[in-house]
Protein backbone atom coordinates (compact mmCIF):
# COMPACT_ATOMS: atom_id res chain seq x y z
CA MET A 1 30.93 -13.65 -35.25
CA ASP A 2 29.22 -12.78 -31.93
CA GLU A 3 31.63 -12.76 -29.02
CA THR A 4 29.09 -11.85 -26.33
CA PRO A 5 29.76 -14.11 -23.36
CA LYS A 6 27.04 -16.55 -22.38
CA ALA A 7 25.38 -15.69 -19.08
CA ARG A 8 25.44 -18.29 -16.36
CA THR A 9 22.12 -20.02 -15.83
CA SER A 10 20.38 -21.57 -12.85
CA GLU A 11 22.03 -24.81 -13.81
CA ASP A 12 25.37 -23.08 -13.10
CA HIS A 13 24.54 -21.10 -9.95
CA GLY A 14 21.31 -22.59 -8.58
CA TYR A 15 19.37 -19.30 -8.53
CA LEU A 16 15.78 -19.98 -9.58
CA LEU A 17 13.91 -16.73 -10.11
CA HIS A 18 10.46 -18.23 -9.51
CA GLU A 19 11.60 -19.36 -6.02
CA GLN A 20 12.98 -16.02 -4.84
CA VAL A 21 11.21 -14.10 -2.09
CA GLY A 22 11.32 -10.74 -3.89
CA PHE A 23 9.94 -12.20 -7.10
CA LEU A 24 7.14 -14.01 -5.27
CA LEU A 25 6.29 -10.97 -3.12
CA ARG A 26 6.09 -8.81 -6.26
CA LYS A 27 3.78 -11.31 -7.97
CA ALA A 28 1.62 -11.55 -4.85
CA TYR A 29 1.49 -7.75 -4.63
CA GLN A 30 0.54 -7.50 -8.31
CA ARG A 31 -2.31 -9.94 -7.64
CA ASN A 32 -3.37 -7.88 -4.63
CA CYS A 33 -3.30 -4.67 -6.71
CA THR A 34 -5.36 -6.21 -9.50
CA ILE A 35 -8.02 -7.45 -7.08
CA PHE A 36 -7.91 -4.11 -5.24
CA SER A 37 -8.42 -2.17 -8.47
CA ASP A 38 -11.36 -4.39 -9.44
CA LYS A 39 -13.05 -4.13 -6.02
CA ILE A 40 -12.40 -0.41 -5.47
CA ASP A 41 -13.29 0.20 -9.13
CA GLY A 42 -10.19 2.30 -9.73
CA ALA A 43 -11.28 4.96 -7.21
CA LEU A 44 -8.09 4.59 -5.15
CA THR A 45 -4.71 2.96 -5.30
CA PRO A 46 -3.60 0.79 -2.37
CA MET A 47 -1.24 3.60 -1.27
CA GLN A 48 -4.02 6.19 -1.40
CA PHE A 49 -6.30 3.89 0.56
CA SER A 50 -3.58 3.43 3.20
CA ILE A 51 -3.34 7.19 3.69
CA LEU A 52 -7.12 7.62 3.97
CA HIS A 53 -7.47 4.63 6.27
CA ARG A 54 -4.70 5.79 8.60
CA LEU A 55 -6.29 9.23 8.89
CA ALA A 56 -9.69 7.63 9.54
CA GLU A 57 -8.16 5.51 12.30
CA ASP A 58 -5.83 8.03 13.94
CA GLY A 59 -7.18 11.44 12.98
CA PRO A 60 -5.27 14.46 11.70
CA MET A 61 -1.47 14.28 11.72
CA SER A 62 1.54 15.85 10.09
CA GLN A 63 2.41 14.72 6.61
CA ASN A 64 5.74 13.42 7.93
CA MET A 65 4.07 11.30 10.62
CA LEU A 66 1.43 10.13 8.15
CA GLY A 67 4.06 8.90 5.72
CA ARG A 68 5.99 7.08 8.42
CA SER A 69 2.80 5.46 9.72
CA VAL A 70 2.11 3.86 6.32
CA ALA A 71 5.76 3.13 5.43
CA MET A 72 6.09 5.72 2.64
CA ASP A 73 9.01 8.02 2.03
CA GLY A 74 8.47 11.77 2.21
CA ALA A 75 8.34 12.43 -1.53
CA THR A 76 5.84 9.64 -2.16
CA THR A 77 3.67 10.77 0.75
CA LYS A 78 3.66 14.34 -0.54
CA GLY A 79 2.59 13.19 -4.00
CA VAL A 80 -0.21 11.01 -2.64
CA VAL A 81 -1.43 13.73 -0.26
CA ASP A 82 -1.35 16.32 -3.06
CA ARG A 83 -3.38 14.08 -5.41
CA LEU A 84 -5.95 13.24 -2.72
CA SER A 85 -6.20 16.92 -1.74
CA ALA A 86 -6.75 17.92 -5.38
CA ARG A 87 -9.66 15.44 -5.46
CA GLY A 88 -11.16 17.05 -2.36
CA LEU A 89 -10.56 14.01 -0.14
CA LEU A 90 -7.98 15.61 2.19
CA ARG A 91 -7.33 19.05 3.60
CA THR A 92 -4.25 20.56 5.18
CA GLU A 93 -4.41 23.11 8.00
CA ARG A 94 -1.88 24.72 10.31
CA ASP A 95 -1.34 22.81 13.53
CA PRO A 96 -2.81 25.01 16.29
CA THR A 97 -0.09 23.86 18.72
CA ASP A 98 2.86 24.30 16.32
CA ARG A 99 2.41 26.98 13.64
CA ARG A 100 5.38 25.59 11.66
CA ARG A 101 3.59 22.29 11.03
CA HIS A 102 0.56 21.45 8.93
CA LEU A 103 -1.93 18.71 9.76
CA VAL A 104 -3.50 16.50 7.12
CA SER A 105 -7.09 15.37 7.69
CA LEU A 106 -10.01 13.83 5.83
CA THR A 107 -12.75 15.93 4.27
CA SER A 108 -16.38 14.75 4.31
CA GLU A 109 -15.83 13.31 0.83
CA GLY A 110 -12.71 11.52 2.09
CA VAL A 111 -14.65 10.02 5.00
CA ALA A 112 -17.38 8.76 2.65
CA LEU A 113 -14.87 7.23 0.24
CA VAL A 114 -12.73 5.53 2.89
CA ASP A 115 -15.85 4.14 4.56
CA SER A 116 -17.08 2.53 1.34
CA ALA A 117 -13.59 1.48 0.25
CA THR A 118 -12.89 -0.25 3.58
CA ASP A 119 -15.65 -2.78 2.95
CA ALA A 120 -14.12 -3.52 -0.44
CA ALA A 121 -10.61 -3.71 1.08
CA ILE A 122 -11.83 -6.39 3.49
CA GLU A 123 -13.01 -8.38 0.46
CA VAL A 124 -9.66 -7.81 -1.26
CA SER A 125 -7.75 -9.38 1.62
CA ALA A 126 -10.15 -12.32 1.72
CA ASP A 127 -9.81 -12.86 -2.04
CA VAL A 128 -6.01 -12.61 -1.99
CA LEU A 129 -5.79 -15.14 0.84
CA ASP A 130 -8.50 -17.43 -0.57
CA PRO A 131 -6.06 -20.03 -2.01
CA LEU A 132 -4.82 -20.68 1.55
CA ASN A 133 -6.56 -22.46 4.40
CA LYS A 134 -7.19 -20.51 7.61
CA ARG A 135 -4.00 -21.68 9.33
CA GLU A 136 -1.88 -20.90 6.25
CA GLN A 137 -3.46 -17.43 6.09
CA GLN A 138 -2.55 -16.74 9.72
CA THR A 139 0.97 -18.06 9.18
CA LEU A 140 1.50 -15.94 6.08
CA ILE A 141 0.34 -12.77 7.84
CA ARG A 142 2.55 -13.56 10.84
CA LEU A 143 5.61 -14.27 8.71
CA LEU A 144 5.14 -11.19 6.52
CA GLY A 145 4.87 -9.14 9.71
CA LYS A 146 8.22 -10.54 10.85
CA ILE A 147 10.07 -9.60 7.67
CA ALA A 148 8.28 -6.27 7.06
């Protein structure tokens, strides 16, 4: 005889998984990642693209600052930078103004890849937002910015 208690259900507590912000954000992010992977043809992950794009926009910076600028923790940033460096897309050099710090920058190959990937990333955003009308798209971006 099984004496495992029966878990409460949404009928008991009112929690509907498919209406929860975290669940919906995860599903939306999965959709974004799938479209991104198709458009970028597996050349980069969204996190790798963020690193390359930030460096293209802002130039060389410390790994710590780079991670903060794309909302990644230190360990994740290090892993991404190491993988991109191993592929020849990034280089690390001593900061000429502070010998204790290293600066991360794009290589020529990194510049070429981020340039081509940016066009695809623009298409990714358009495809992800396609189910929404223009006003809904603007509202979603604004609201996500408020909770991010």
